[in-house]
Amino acid sequence: MQNISNLEDYSGALYLRLSKEDDKKGGMNIADNSASIENQKALLEKYANEHHINIYDVYIDDGYSGTSFDRPAFQRMLSDIEDGKINMVLTKDMSRLGRNDHATLYYMECYFPEHGVRYISLLDGIDTGEDNYIDDIVPFKAIFNDYYAKDISKKITSVKRDKQKKGLFIGGKAPFGYKKSSTEKNTIVIDEPAAEIVREMFQLALEGNSCREIAVILNNRNVPTPAAYANINLSVKGPYSGKWSSERVTFMLKNEVYIGSMVQGRVQKVSYKSKKFRKLPKEQWTVVEHTHEPLIDKETFQKVNALIQSRNRTRSCTYDFLLKGMIFCHECGHPLGVMNRPLANGQKVLYFACRTYQRFTKNSACTCHCVKVEAVTKAVLEQVKKICQYYANLLDLDEITNEARKKLQDEKRKQGKDIDSSKKQLESIQLKIDKIYEDKLNGKIDEELFQRIYKKFKEEQSMLRNKISALESSADNISLDKQKVKELVTEFLNKKECDRALLVSLIHRIELTENKEVLIYFKYKELDVINRL
């Protein structure tokens, strides 16, 4: 072990880590027990005391894998490093720092030196304060640690897969309507209060209610969702927290667990180094029949799923219309969907409808916005024609152009603020994703619930990224160009029938309010100024 000089210059951090796999391994062999948190701490404190190192703080990540560096105590340590509170990090060995070879070497060879931090790995004999510490063995140690993590991951996956094939339940929380058996391990039994809700859902579906309508009924009666029923505190709340959605109802009505089959292995980790999962096709799921008492008979289950399938076929057609891709809900910002409603005489009429409303039911933050496509299209064309005629008849375009220039500058300033705000929201959602991942690792939520919440957060992230992209695009697209505006206005007024390409050239965005008012935002500020007169 190397001697440490200039001890008074160092403010040390003792970093301790133990994954669940390390813990299980430690319980098998006395020799391996040195990996325990208590032993790591004792070893590091003894070394620090012997060498008179000032310990600033002890950072402990208990139950966290070494393949990811997104660990709470590790991140807190990095924050303290960047605040200048720490200039030395000590670990028992390199594997405590991490089991990802590239990332481990990054911290040792780049991050720590760049931040003036001396790193010591006791059992590996590594001290970055010595000139010869980076010898040929260090990269190999990092690669070995990475290989170890990969090997452990494979073994764990193999054990889980074997249990799944035997029909043993390995989830954190039992599916809604069931609970873990208190007498038999890896077995689920009926949880009667929740089971009654599940049975009623199937009955409502048999009576002809759609999944959205069932969600409305449950929400109107304040029936607890699976997460609320289990008293799961996720530390994060979204606008639809505690509410049933049509997707959730659909998932449950299609879940074969309710006919006594154990359904597992719906998702697979992208890599042993990654948090991300990918959905597997149904044919790759592990389904074992007759593993527990069913809540629903097979005949009822098949009838309900036939009804769901028939509705899906009805909705599978797509519609082409003039305002496609340009019209959005004013209240929630989502693109408007189109639905087909038959009249009494059999004629079918297209209506715009808010997708948020359709998806999250009447208890959501939005409303239907149900208006005939034909009526909205007519209103848009009439308004565009009116604006174009006004512009064409103007004798003094300079006044409008100057006013438009001022409006454009104001709008770009506002868009800049909106972009900054959206980026902060994006960062906040990423923190929420990290939090639910911690909840999953700590057994607070099972894989199924994690995936569902993760999907919602990813959708929110996608929406925000789209919003940022739209704002940035808007800042670039909304412009001043007298000659171009004149050409487009002339073309529009001379055309007998407007086509979509011309509308896209003129219009940036159309919004429909819940009061059925049509708002048009033009790509050229000259036209926008006239529109606001």
Protein backbone atom coordinates (compact mmCIF):
# COMPACT_ATOMS: atom_id res chain seq x y z
CA MET A 1 0.00 0.00 0.00
CA GLN A 2 1.45 3.39 -0.98
CA ASN A 3 2.16 6.09 1.56
CA ILE A 4 0.04 9.23 1.33
CA SER A 5 1.70 12.62 1.58
CA ASN A 6 0.25 16.10 2.22
CA LEU A 7 -2.61 14.63 4.26
CA GLU A 8 -3.76 18.03 5.44
CA ASP A 9 -4.67 18.88 1.83
CA TYR A 10 -7.26 16.14 1.57
CA SER A 11 -10.93 16.00 2.46
CA GLY A 12 -11.88 12.36 2.02
CA ALA A 13 -15.05 10.58 0.94
CA LEU A 14 -15.55 6.94 1.88
CA TYR A 15 -17.68 5.34 -0.84
CA LEU A 16 -19.43 2.04 -0.02
CA ARG A 17 -21.65 -0.01 -2.34
CA LEU A 18 -23.36 -3.38 -2.10
CA SER A 19 -25.77 -4.75 -4.69
CA LYS A 20 -28.53 -7.22 -3.84
CA GLU A 21 -26.62 -9.91 -5.73
CA ASP A 22 -23.46 -9.20 -3.71
CA ASP A 23 -25.52 -9.42 -0.53
CA LYS A 24 -26.97 -12.81 -1.48
CA LYS A 25 -23.53 -14.07 -2.43
CA GLY A 26 -22.11 -12.77 0.84
CA GLY A 27 -24.67 -14.76 2.81
CA MET A 28 -23.42 -17.99 1.25
CA ASN A 29 -19.78 -17.76 2.19
CA ILE A 30 -18.02 -16.31 5.25
CA ALA A 31 -15.07 -15.29 3.10
CA ASP A 32 -17.35 -13.25 0.87
CA ASN A 33 -18.81 -11.40 3.86
CA SER A 34 -16.04 -8.80 3.47
CA ALA A 35 -18.25 -7.25 0.77
CA SER A 36 -20.83 -6.20 3.39
CA ILE A 37 -21.40 -2.51 4.04
CA GLU A 38 -20.22 -2.85 7.66
CA ASN A 39 -16.97 -4.51 6.63
CA GLN A 40 -16.30 -2.04 3.83
CA LYS A 41 -16.82 0.85 6.26
CA ALA A 42 -14.61 -0.69 8.95
CA LEU A 43 -11.80 -1.34 6.44
CA LEU A 44 -11.89 2.19 5.00
CA GLU A 45 -12.17 3.92 8.39
CA LYS A 46 -9.22 1.89 9.72
CA TYR A 47 -7.12 2.91 6.71
CA ALA A 48 -8.18 6.57 6.98
CA ASN A 49 -7.40 6.69 10.70
CA GLU A 50 -4.01 5.02 10.28
CA HIS A 51 -3.04 7.58 7.64
CA HIS A 52 -4.68 10.54 9.42
CA ILE A 53 -7.04 11.24 6.53
CA ASN A 54 -9.83 13.71 7.30
CA ILE A 55 -13.16 12.03 6.45
CA TYR A 56 -15.66 14.54 5.08
CA ASP A 57 -18.55 12.05 4.73
CA VAL A 58 -19.47 8.40 4.17
CA TYR A 59 -21.54 7.67 1.05
CA ILE A 60 -23.49 4.39 1.04
CA ASP A 61 -25.41 2.83 -1.87
CA ASP A 62 -26.90 -0.34 -0.40
CA GLY A 63 -28.79 -2.51 -2.89
CA TYR A 64 -27.58 -0.78 -6.07
CA SER A 65 -26.00 -2.46 -9.07
CA GLY A 66 -22.49 -1.47 -10.10
CA THR A 67 -23.39 -1.41 -13.80
CA SER A 68 -25.22 1.90 -13.43
CA PHE A 69 -23.70 5.05 -11.93
CA ASP A 70 -27.09 6.61 -11.40
CA ARG A 71 -27.03 5.83 -7.67
CA PRO A 72 -28.25 8.36 -5.08
CA ALA A 73 -25.21 8.36 -2.77
CA PHE A 74 -22.78 8.30 -5.71
CA GLN A 75 -24.56 11.26 -7.30
CA ARG A 76 -24.50 13.11 -3.95
CA MET A 77 -20.76 12.47 -3.76
CA LEU A 78 -20.26 13.89 -7.27
CA SER A 79 -22.26 16.96 -6.26
CA ASP A 80 -19.99 17.45 -3.22
CA ILE A 81 -16.92 17.02 -5.45
CA GLU A 82 -18.19 19.71 -7.82
CA ASP A 83 -18.90 21.99 -4.85
CA GLY A 84 -15.25 21.62 -3.81
CA LYS A 85 -16.03 19.79 -0.56
CA ILE A 86 -14.09 16.61 -1.45
CA ASN A 87 -10.70 16.02 -3.07
CA MET A 88 -10.17 12.35 -2.20
CA VAL A 89 -12.34 9.24 -2.76
CA LEU A 90 -11.61 5.89 -1.12
CA THR A 91 -13.21 2.52 -1.95
CA LYS A 92 -12.49 -1.02 -0.80
CA ASP A 93 -11.82 -2.06 -4.41
CA MET A 94 -12.59 -0.89 -7.95
CA SER A 95 -15.75 -3.00 -8.19
CA ARG A 96 -17.31 -0.88 -5.40
CA LEU A 97 -16.86 2.17 -7.62
CA GLY A 98 -18.55 0.34 -10.50
CA ARG A 99 -18.77 -2.76 -12.67
CA ASN A 100 -19.01 -0.94 -16.00
CA ASP A 101 -15.47 -0.94 -17.41
CA HIS A 102 -15.81 2.15 -19.64
CA ALA A 103 -17.54 4.29 -17.02
CA THR A 104 -15.23 3.16 -14.19
CA LEU A 105 -12.14 4.10 -16.21
CA TYR A 106 -13.80 7.40 -17.16
CA TYR A 107 -14.14 8.39 -13.50
CA MET A 108 -10.62 7.21 -12.65
CA GLU A 109 -8.80 8.65 -15.66
CA CYS A 110 -10.91 11.70 -16.55
CA TYR A 111 -13.50 12.87 -14.04
CA PHE A 112 -11.44 12.60 -10.83
CA PRO A 113 -8.26 14.18 -12.31
CA GLU A 114 -10.28 16.99 -13.93
CA HIS A 115 -11.83 17.82 -10.55
CA GLY A 116 -8.58 17.51 -8.60
CA VAL A 117 -9.71 14.36 -6.80
CA ARG A 118 -7.30 11.66 -5.65
CA TYR A 119 -8.77 8.14 -5.88
CA ILE A 120 -7.59 5.20 -3.76
CA SER A 121 -8.74 1.59 -4.17
CA LEU A 122 -7.36 -0.23 -1.13
CA LEU A 123 -7.34 -3.90 -2.15
CA ASP A 124 -6.28 -3.16 -5.73
CA GLY A 125 -3.35 -1.00 -4.57
CA ILE A 126 -4.48 1.87 -6.79
CA ASP A 127 -3.65 5.46 -5.80
CA THR A 128 -4.03 8.16 -8.45
CA GLY A 129 -1.74 10.38 -6.38
CA GLU A 130 1.18 8.19 -7.43
CA ASP A 131 2.75 8.63 -10.88
CA ASN A 132 2.75 4.91 -11.71
CA TYR A 133 -0.80 4.05 -10.58
CA ILE A 134 -2.22 3.55 -14.09
CA ASP A 135 -0.44 0.39 -15.03
CA ASP A 136 -1.59 -2.27 -17.46
CA ILE A 137 -3.59 -4.12 -14.81
CA VAL A 138 -6.13 -1.33 -14.15
CA PRO A 139 -8.06 -1.63 -17.45
CA PHE A 140 -8.08 -5.42 -17.03
CA LYS A 141 -9.51 -5.09 -13.53
CA ALA A 142 -12.26 -2.84 -14.91
CA ILE A 143 -12.99 -5.32 -17.70
CA PHE A 144 -13.05 -8.21 -15.20
CA ASN A 145 -15.53 -6.31 -12.99
CA ASP A 146 -17.68 -5.64 -16.05
CA TYR A 147 -17.54 -9.33 -17.01
CA TYR A 148 -18.50 -10.30 -13.45
CA ALA A 149 -21.57 -8.02 -13.60
CA LYS A 150 -22.55 -9.52 -16.96
CA ASP A 151 -22.11 -13.06 -15.65
CA ILE A 152 -24.20 -12.33 -12.53
CA SER A 153 -26.90 -10.74 -14.70
CA LYS A 154 -27.05 -13.85 -16.92
CA LYS A 155 -27.33 -16.16 -13.91
CA ILE A 156 -30.10 -14.09 -12.34
CA THR A 157 -32.00 -13.98 -15.65
CA SER A 158 -31.62 -17.76 -16.02
CA VAL A 159 -32.98 -18.40 -12.50
CA LYS A 160 -35.93 -16.04 -13.09
CA ARG A 161 -36.74 -17.63 -16.44
CA ASP A 162 -36.67 -21.10 -14.89
CA LYS A 163 -39.13 -20.00 -12.18
CA GLN A 164 -41.39 -18.39 -14.79
CA LYS A 165 -41.48 -21.61 -16.82
CA LYS A 166 -42.59 -23.46 -13.69
CA GLY A 167 -45.47 -21.00 -13.25
CA LEU A 168 -44.01 -19.47 -10.09
CA PHE A 169 -44.86 -15.83 -9.45
CA ILE A 170 -41.68 -13.71 -9.19
CA GLY A 171 -43.12 -10.19 -9.32
CA GLY A 172 -42.93 -7.59 -6.58
CA LYS A 173 -46.69 -6.98 -6.37
CA ALA A 174 -49.42 -9.44 -7.32
CA PRO A 175 -51.80 -8.49 -10.17
CA PHE A 176 -54.83 -6.47 -9.05
CA GLY A 177 -57.41 -8.92 -7.66
CA TYR A 178 -54.75 -11.18 -6.18
CA LYS A 179 -52.20 -11.03 -3.37
CA LYS A 180 -49.10 -13.01 -2.52
CA SER A 181 -49.78 -16.15 -0.50
CA SER A 182 -48.68 -15.89 3.13
CA THR A 183 -48.04 -19.64 3.29
CA GLU A 184 -46.64 -20.63 -0.13
CA LYS A 185 -43.71 -18.80 -1.72
CA ASN A 186 -44.07 -17.64 -5.37
CA THR A 187 -47.84 -18.22 -5.26
CA ILE A 188 -50.77 -15.81 -5.57
CA VAL A 189 -54.24 -16.12 -4.02
CA ILE A 190 -57.47 -14.18 -4.50
CA ASP A 191 -57.74 -10.80 -2.75
CA GLU A 192 -61.53 -10.62 -2.45
CA PRO A 193 -62.13 -6.81 -2.21
CA ALA A 194 -60.04 -6.17 -5.33
CA ALA A 195 -61.37 -9.31 -7.03
CA GLU A 196 -64.93 -7.93 -6.83
CA ILE A 197 -63.82 -4.87 -8.81
CA VAL A 198 -62.22 -7.08 -11.48
CA ARG A 199 -65.37 -9.23 -11.80
CA GLU A 200 -67.51 -6.10 -12.14
CA MET A 201 -65.23 -4.78 -14.90
CA PHE A 202 -65.76 -7.95 -16.94
CA GLN A 203 -69.53 -7.75 -16.31
CA LEU A 204 -69.63 -4.12 -17.48
CA ALA A 205 -67.76 -5.14 -20.63
CA LEU A 206 -70.25 -7.97 -21.28
CA GLU A 207 -73.08 -5.44 -20.98
CA GLY A 208 -71.60 -3.54 -23.93
CA ASN A 209 -69.60 -0.83 -22.19
CA SER A 210 -66.37 0.19 -23.93
CA CYS A 211 -63.09 0.30 -22.01
CA ARG A 212 -63.34 4.10 -21.87
CA GLU A 213 -66.88 3.90 -20.52
CA ILE A 214 -65.82 1.39 -17.86
CA ALA A 215 -63.03 3.76 -16.79
CA VAL A 216 -65.59 6.59 -16.52
CA ILE A 217 -67.87 4.44 -14.33
CA LEU A 218 -65.00 3.47 -12.02
CA ASN A 219 -63.74 7.05 -11.75
CA ASN A 220 -67.24 8.44 -11.08
CA ARG A 221 -67.57 5.98 -8.18
CA ASN A 222 -64.05 6.76 -6.92
CA VAL A 223 -63.03 3.12 -7.21
CA PRO A 224 -59.32 2.93 -6.28
CA THR A 225 -56.83 2.14 -9.04
CA PRO A 226 -54.40 -0.77 -8.46
CA ALA A 227 -51.68 1.65 -7.27
CA ALA A 228 -54.07 3.49 -4.92
CA TYR A 229 -55.47 0.20 -3.60
CA ALA A 230 -51.96 -1.03 -2.77
CA ASN A 231 -51.16 2.30 -1.04
CA ILE A 232 -48.13 2.71 -3.26
CA ASN A 233 -46.49 6.08 -2.70
CA LEU A 234 -44.40 6.74 -5.80
CA SER A 235 -43.30 10.20 -4.63
CA VAL A 236 -44.40 11.53 -8.03
CA LYS A 237 -47.84 12.60 -9.13
CA GLY A 238 -49.05 13.38 -12.63
CA PRO A 239 -52.30 14.94 -13.86
CA TYR A 240 -53.92 11.48 -14.16
CA SER A 241 -52.66 9.99 -10.88
CA GLY A 242 -55.30 7.93 -9.11
CA LYS A 243 -57.57 7.70 -12.17
CA TRP A 244 -58.58 4.78 -14.32
CA SER A 245 -57.71 5.06 -18.01
CA SER A 246 -59.08 3.13 -20.96
CA GLU A 247 -55.59 1.62 -21.48
CA ARG A 248 -55.50 0.29 -17.93
CA VAL A 249 -58.97 -1.24 -18.28
CA THR A 250 -58.03 -2.80 -21.64
CA PHE A 251 -54.85 -4.29 -20.18
CA MET A 252 -56.76 -5.91 -17.33
CA LEU A 253 -59.57 -7.27 -19.51
CA LYS A 254 -56.97 -8.91 -21.78
CA ASN A 255 -54.85 -10.31 -18.93
CA GLU A 256 -55.01 -14.12 -18.84
CA VAL A 257 -54.01 -14.10 -15.16
CA TYR A 258 -57.74 -13.75 -14.40
CA ILE A 259 -58.49 -17.17 -15.95
CA GLY A 260 -55.83 -18.89 -13.81
CA SER A 261 -52.81 -18.56 -16.12
CA MET A 262 -49.52 -17.10 -14.93
CA VAL A 263 -48.38 -14.55 -17.52
CA GLN A 264 -44.81 -13.26 -17.10
CA GLY A 265 -41.82 -12.17 -19.19
CA ARG A 266 -43.65 -9.42 -21.07
CA VAL A 267 -40.54 -7.23 -21.08
CA GLN A 268 -36.81 -7.76 -21.36
CA LYS A 269 -33.91 -5.59 -20.25
CA VAL A 270 -32.13 -4.00 -23.21
CA SER A 271 -28.74 -4.69 -21.59
CA TYR A 272 -27.38 -5.64 -18.18
CA LYS A 273 -25.87 -2.11 -18.13
CA SER A 274 -29.11 -0.33 -18.92
CA LYS A 275 -32.28 0.55 -17.01
CA LYS A 276 -34.34 0.42 -20.18
CA PHE A 277 -36.68 -2.43 -21.07
CA ARG A 278 -38.23 -3.42 -24.36
CA LYS A 279 -41.62 -5.02 -24.81
CA LEU A 280 -41.60 -8.57 -26.10
CA PRO A 281 -44.12 -9.85 -28.65
CA LYS A 282 -46.91 -11.95 -27.15
CA GLU A 283 -45.52 -15.19 -28.58
CA GLN A 284 -42.38 -14.72 -26.45
CA TRP A 285 -44.27 -14.28 -23.16
CA THR A 286 -44.10 -17.09 -20.60
CA VAL A 287 -47.65 -18.35 -20.03
CA VAL A 288 -48.37 -21.30 -17.72
CA GLU A 289 -51.99 -22.42 -17.31
CA HIS A 290 -53.78 -23.56 -14.14
CA THR A 291 -51.30 -22.05 -11.66
CA HIS A 292 -53.86 -20.37 -9.36
CA GLU A 293 -57.60 -19.94 -8.79
CA PRO A 294 -59.27 -18.00 -11.64
CA LEU A 295 -61.46 -14.93 -11.09
CA ILE A 296 -63.22 -15.20 -14.47
CA ASP A 297 -64.37 -18.24 -16.42
CA LYS A 298 -62.85 -18.79 -19.86
CA GLU A 299 -66.13 -18.27 -21.73
CA THR A 300 -66.64 -14.80 -20.21
CA PHE A 301 -63.00 -13.90 -20.87
CA GLN A 302 -63.25 -14.93 -24.54
CA LYS A 303 -66.53 -13.03 -25.07
CA VAL A 304 -65.10 -9.84 -23.58
CA ASN A 305 -61.95 -10.07 -25.67
CA ALA A 306 -63.99 -10.70 -28.82
CA LEU A 307 -65.90 -7.46 -28.08
CA ILE A 308 -62.63 -5.55 -27.59
CA GLN A 309 -61.25 -6.97 -30.82
CA SER A 310 -64.36 -5.98 -32.78
CA ARG A 311 -64.07 -2.39 -31.54
CA ASN A 312 -60.40 -2.32 -32.52
CA ARG A 313 -61.30 -3.43 -36.04
CA THR A 314 -63.91 -0.66 -36.25
CA ARG A 315 -61.35 1.96 -35.21
CA SER A 316 -58.55 0.65 -37.41
CA CYS A 317 -59.48 2.77 -40.45
CA THR A 318 -57.74 6.11 -41.00
CA TYR A 319 -59.16 9.29 -42.49
CA ASP A 320 -57.69 11.83 -44.87
CA PHE A 321 -58.84 15.43 -44.47
CA LEU A 322 -57.65 18.90 -45.45
CA LEU A 323 -56.50 20.02 -41.98
CA LYS A 324 -54.62 16.80 -41.15
CA GLY A 325 -51.51 17.46 -39.06
CA MET A 326 -52.36 21.14 -38.55
CA ILE A 327 -55.18 21.12 -35.99
CA PHE A 328 -54.67 20.84 -32.23
CA CYS A 329 -56.60 21.10 -28.97
CA HIS A 330 -56.28 24.64 -27.59
CA GLU A 331 -56.60 23.49 -23.96
CA CYS A 332 -54.14 20.56 -23.76
CA GLY A 333 -52.07 21.07 -26.93
CA HIS A 334 -52.51 17.53 -28.27
CA PRO A 335 -53.35 16.89 -31.94
CA LEU A 336 -57.07 16.41 -32.49
CA GLY A 337 -58.26 12.97 -33.53
CA VAL A 338 -61.08 12.16 -35.94
CA MET A 339 -64.02 9.87 -35.19
CA ASN A 340 -66.80 8.59 -37.41
CA ARG A 341 -70.38 8.96 -36.15
CA PRO A 342 -73.34 7.47 -38.05
CA LEU A 343 -76.50 9.59 -38.32
CA ALA A 344 -80.06 8.25 -38.03
CA ASN A 345 -80.31 7.99 -41.83
CA GLY A 346 -77.17 5.82 -41.95
CA GLN A 347 -74.91 8.57 -43.26
CA LYS A 348 -71.50 8.73 -41.57
CA VAL A 349 -70.08 12.08 -40.44
CA LEU A 350 -66.52 12.86 -39.34
CA TYR A 351 -65.98 14.78 -36.10
CA PHE A 352 -62.87 16.22 -34.48
CA ALA A 353 -62.29 15.08 -30.88
CA CYS A 354 -59.57 15.71 -28.30
CA ARG A 355 -57.30 12.68 -27.94
CA THR A 356 -56.58 13.45 -24.29
CA TYR A 357 -60.32 13.30 -23.58
CA GLN A 358 -60.70 10.06 -25.54
CA ARG A 359 -57.77 8.47 -23.76
CA PHE A 360 -58.20 9.57 -20.15
CA THR A 361 -62.00 9.72 -19.97
CA LYS A 362 -64.35 12.44 -18.79
CA ASN A 363 -62.46 12.90 -15.54
CA SER A 364 -59.35 14.05 -17.37
CA ALA A 365 -58.03 17.58 -17.59
CA CYS A 366 -59.64 18.13 -21.00
CA THR A 367 -63.01 18.08 -22.76
CA CYS A 368 -64.37 16.46 -25.91
CA HIS A 369 -64.04 19.36 -28.41
CA CYS A 370 -66.48 17.46 -30.62
CA VAL A 371 -67.14 19.45 -33.82
CA LYS A 372 -67.85 18.35 -37.39
CA VAL A 373 -64.70 18.24 -39.54
CA GLU A 374 -66.65 19.84 -42.38
CA ALA A 375 -67.73 22.81 -40.21
CA VAL A 376 -64.20 23.49 -38.90
CA THR A 377 -62.68 23.20 -42.38
CA LYS A 378 -65.23 25.66 -43.77
CA ALA A 379 -64.52 28.14 -40.93
CA VAL A 380 -60.75 27.91 -41.53
CA LEU A 381 -61.02 28.47 -45.28
CA GLU A 382 -63.38 31.44 -44.82
CA GLN A 383 -61.06 33.06 -42.27
CA VAL A 384 -57.95 32.52 -44.43
CA LYS A 385 -59.77 33.98 -47.43
CA LYS A 386 -60.85 37.02 -45.39
CA ILE A 387 -57.26 37.65 -44.18
CA CYS A 388 -55.82 37.22 -47.68
CA GLN A 389 -58.36 39.63 -49.19
CA TYR A 390 -57.62 42.23 -46.50
CA TYR A 391 -53.87 41.90 -47.16
CA ALA A 392 -54.33 42.15 -50.94
CA ASN A 393 -56.40 45.34 -50.59
CA LEU A 394 -53.89 47.13 -48.33
CA LEU A 395 -52.37 50.25 -49.88
CA ASP A 396 -49.65 50.71 -47.22
CA LEU A 397 -47.93 47.42 -46.41
CA ASP A 398 -45.10 49.10 -44.48
CA GLU A 399 -47.31 49.86 -41.48
CA ILE A 400 -48.40 46.23 -41.24
CA THR A 401 -44.81 45.04 -41.75
CA ASN A 402 -43.48 47.26 -38.95
CA GLU A 403 -46.22 46.10 -36.59
CA ALA A 404 -45.50 42.50 -37.59
CA ARG A 405 -41.80 42.99 -36.88
CA LYS A 406 -42.56 44.15 -33.32
CA LYS A 407 -44.95 41.24 -32.77
CA LEU A 408 -42.35 38.80 -34.11
CA GLN A 409 -39.69 40.05 -31.70
CA ASP A 410 -42.10 39.79 -28.74
CA GLU A 411 -43.16 36.31 -29.77
CA LYS A 412 -39.59 35.06 -30.14
CA ARG A 413 -38.78 36.33 -26.64
CA LYS A 414 -41.83 34.50 -25.27
CA GLN A 415 -40.90 31.35 -27.18
CA GLY A 416 -37.41 31.47 -25.68
CA LYS A 417 -38.90 31.51 -22.17
CA ASP A 418 -41.30 28.67 -23.07
CA ILE A 419 -38.41 26.58 -24.41
CA ASP A 420 -36.40 27.10 -21.20
CA SER A 421 -39.44 26.19 -19.08
CA SER A 422 -40.11 23.03 -21.12
CA LYS A 423 -36.48 21.93 -20.81
CA LYS A 424 -36.71 22.27 -17.01
CA GLN A 425 -39.88 20.14 -17.05
CA LEU A 426 -38.01 17.56 -19.13
CA GLU A 427 -35.26 17.38 -16.49
CA SER A 428 -37.90 17.05 -13.75
CA ILE A 429 -39.53 14.07 -15.50
CA GLN A 430 -36.13 12.37 -15.83
CA LEU A 431 -35.71 12.68 -12.05
CA LYS A 432 -39.16 11.11 -11.62
CA ILE A 433 -38.13 8.21 -13.89
CA ASP A 434 -35.01 7.71 -11.77
CA LYS A 435 -37.19 7.72 -8.63
CA ILE A 436 -39.60 5.02 -9.84
CA TYR A 437 -36.61 2.95 -10.92
CA GLU A 438 -35.37 3.19 -7.32
CA ASP A 439 -38.87 2.18 -6.15
CA LYS A 440 -38.67 -0.90 -8.40
CA LEU A 441 -35.20 -1.84 -7.15
CA ASN A 442 -36.36 -1.45 -3.55
CA GLY A 443 -39.40 -3.68 -4.17
CA LYS A 444 -41.97 -0.89 -3.71
CA ILE A 445 -43.43 -1.57 -7.15
CA ASP A 446 -43.33 -4.58 -9.45
CA GLU A 447 -42.06 -4.71 -13.04
CA GLU A 448 -45.54 -4.40 -14.54
CA LEU A 449 -46.42 -1.23 -12.62
CA PHE A 450 -42.96 0.21 -13.28
CA GLN A 451 -43.38 -0.31 -17.02
CA ARG A 452 -46.81 1.33 -17.04
CA ILE A 453 -45.65 4.43 -15.11
CA TYR A 454 -42.39 4.51 -17.08
CA LYS A 455 -44.37 4.49 -20.32
CA LYS A 456 -46.49 7.46 -19.17
CA PHE A 457 -43.44 9.47 -18.18
CA LYS A 458 -41.74 8.65 -21.50
CA GLU A 459 -44.88 9.84 -23.29
CA GLU A 460 -44.76 13.09 -21.29
CA GLN A 461 -41.09 13.44 -22.24
CA SER A 462 -41.95 12.82 -25.88
CA MET A 463 -44.70 15.46 -25.73
CA LEU A 464 -42.32 17.99 -24.18
CA ARG A 465 -39.62 17.24 -26.77
CA ASN A 466 -42.22 17.70 -29.49
CA LYS A 467 -43.28 20.97 -27.86
CA ILE A 468 -39.68 22.19 -27.68
CA SER A 469 -39.13 21.14 -31.29
CA ALA A 470 -42.34 22.91 -32.33
CA LEU A 471 -41.36 26.08 -30.45
CA GLU A 472 -37.88 26.07 -31.97
CA SER A 473 -39.34 25.34 -35.39
CA SER A 474 -41.93 28.07 -34.88
CA ALA A 475 -39.23 30.57 -34.01
CA ASP A 476 -37.53 29.69 -37.30
CA ASN A 477 -40.66 29.37 -39.45
CA ILE A 478 -42.59 32.48 -38.44
CA SER A 479 -40.98 35.20 -40.50
CA LEU A 480 -41.35 38.42 -42.44
CA ASP A 481 -41.28 38.13 -46.23
CA LYS A 482 -43.45 40.61 -48.15
CA GLN A 483 -42.74 39.08 -51.55
CA LYS A 484 -43.45 35.49 -50.44
CA VAL A 485 -46.65 36.52 -48.62
CA LYS A 486 -47.85 38.39 -51.71
CA GLU A 487 -47.25 35.31 -53.90
CA LEU A 488 -49.07 32.94 -51.51
CA VAL A 489 -52.00 35.35 -50.99
CA THR A 490 -52.40 35.76 -54.75
CA GLU A 491 -52.25 31.99 -55.30
CA PHE A 492 -54.86 31.36 -52.59
CA LEU A 493 -57.30 33.97 -53.92
CA ASN A 494 -56.95 32.76 -57.52
CA LYS A 495 -57.46 29.06 -56.73
CA LYS A 496 -60.97 27.71 -57.17
CA GLU A 497 -60.30 24.91 -54.69
CA CYS A 498 -57.67 25.13 -51.95
CA ASP A 499 -55.28 22.20 -51.56
CA ARG A 500 -53.51 21.06 -48.41
CA ALA A 501 -50.02 22.03 -49.67
CA LEU A 502 -51.06 25.68 -50.01
CA LEU A 503 -52.64 25.72 -46.54
CA VAL A 504 -49.47 24.24 -45.03
CA SER A 505 -47.46 27.02 -46.71
CA LEU A 506 -49.67 29.67 -45.10
CA ILE A 507 -50.66 28.20 -41.72
CA HIS A 508 -48.37 27.28 -38.84
CA ARG A 509 -51.06 25.84 -36.55
CA ILE A 510 -54.83 25.68 -36.01
CA GLU A 511 -56.37 25.29 -32.56
CA LEU A 512 -59.93 24.36 -31.59
CA THR A 513 -61.15 25.61 -28.20
CA GLU A 514 -63.65 23.84 -25.95
CA ASN A 515 -66.10 26.65 -26.86
CA LYS A 516 -65.71 25.53 -30.50
CA GLU A 517 -63.78 28.65 -31.50
CA VAL A 518 -61.23 28.20 -34.30
CA LEU A 519 -57.85 29.93 -33.79
CA ILE A 520 -55.45 30.24 -36.73
CA TYR A 521 -51.73 30.99 -36.40
CA PHE A 522 -50.06 31.96 -39.67
CA LYS A 523 -46.46 31.29 -40.65
CA TYR A 524 -46.03 34.90 -41.73
CA LYS A 525 -46.36 37.60 -39.11
CA GLU A 526 -47.91 40.04 -41.58
CA LEU A 527 -50.96 37.76 -41.87
CA ASP A 528 -50.98 37.07 -38.12
CA VAL A 529 -51.15 40.80 -37.36
CA ILE A 530 -54.17 41.20 -39.66
CA ASN A 531 -55.77 38.13 -38.08
CA ARG A 532 -55.53 39.74 -34.63
CA LEU A 533 -57.08 43.08 -35.74
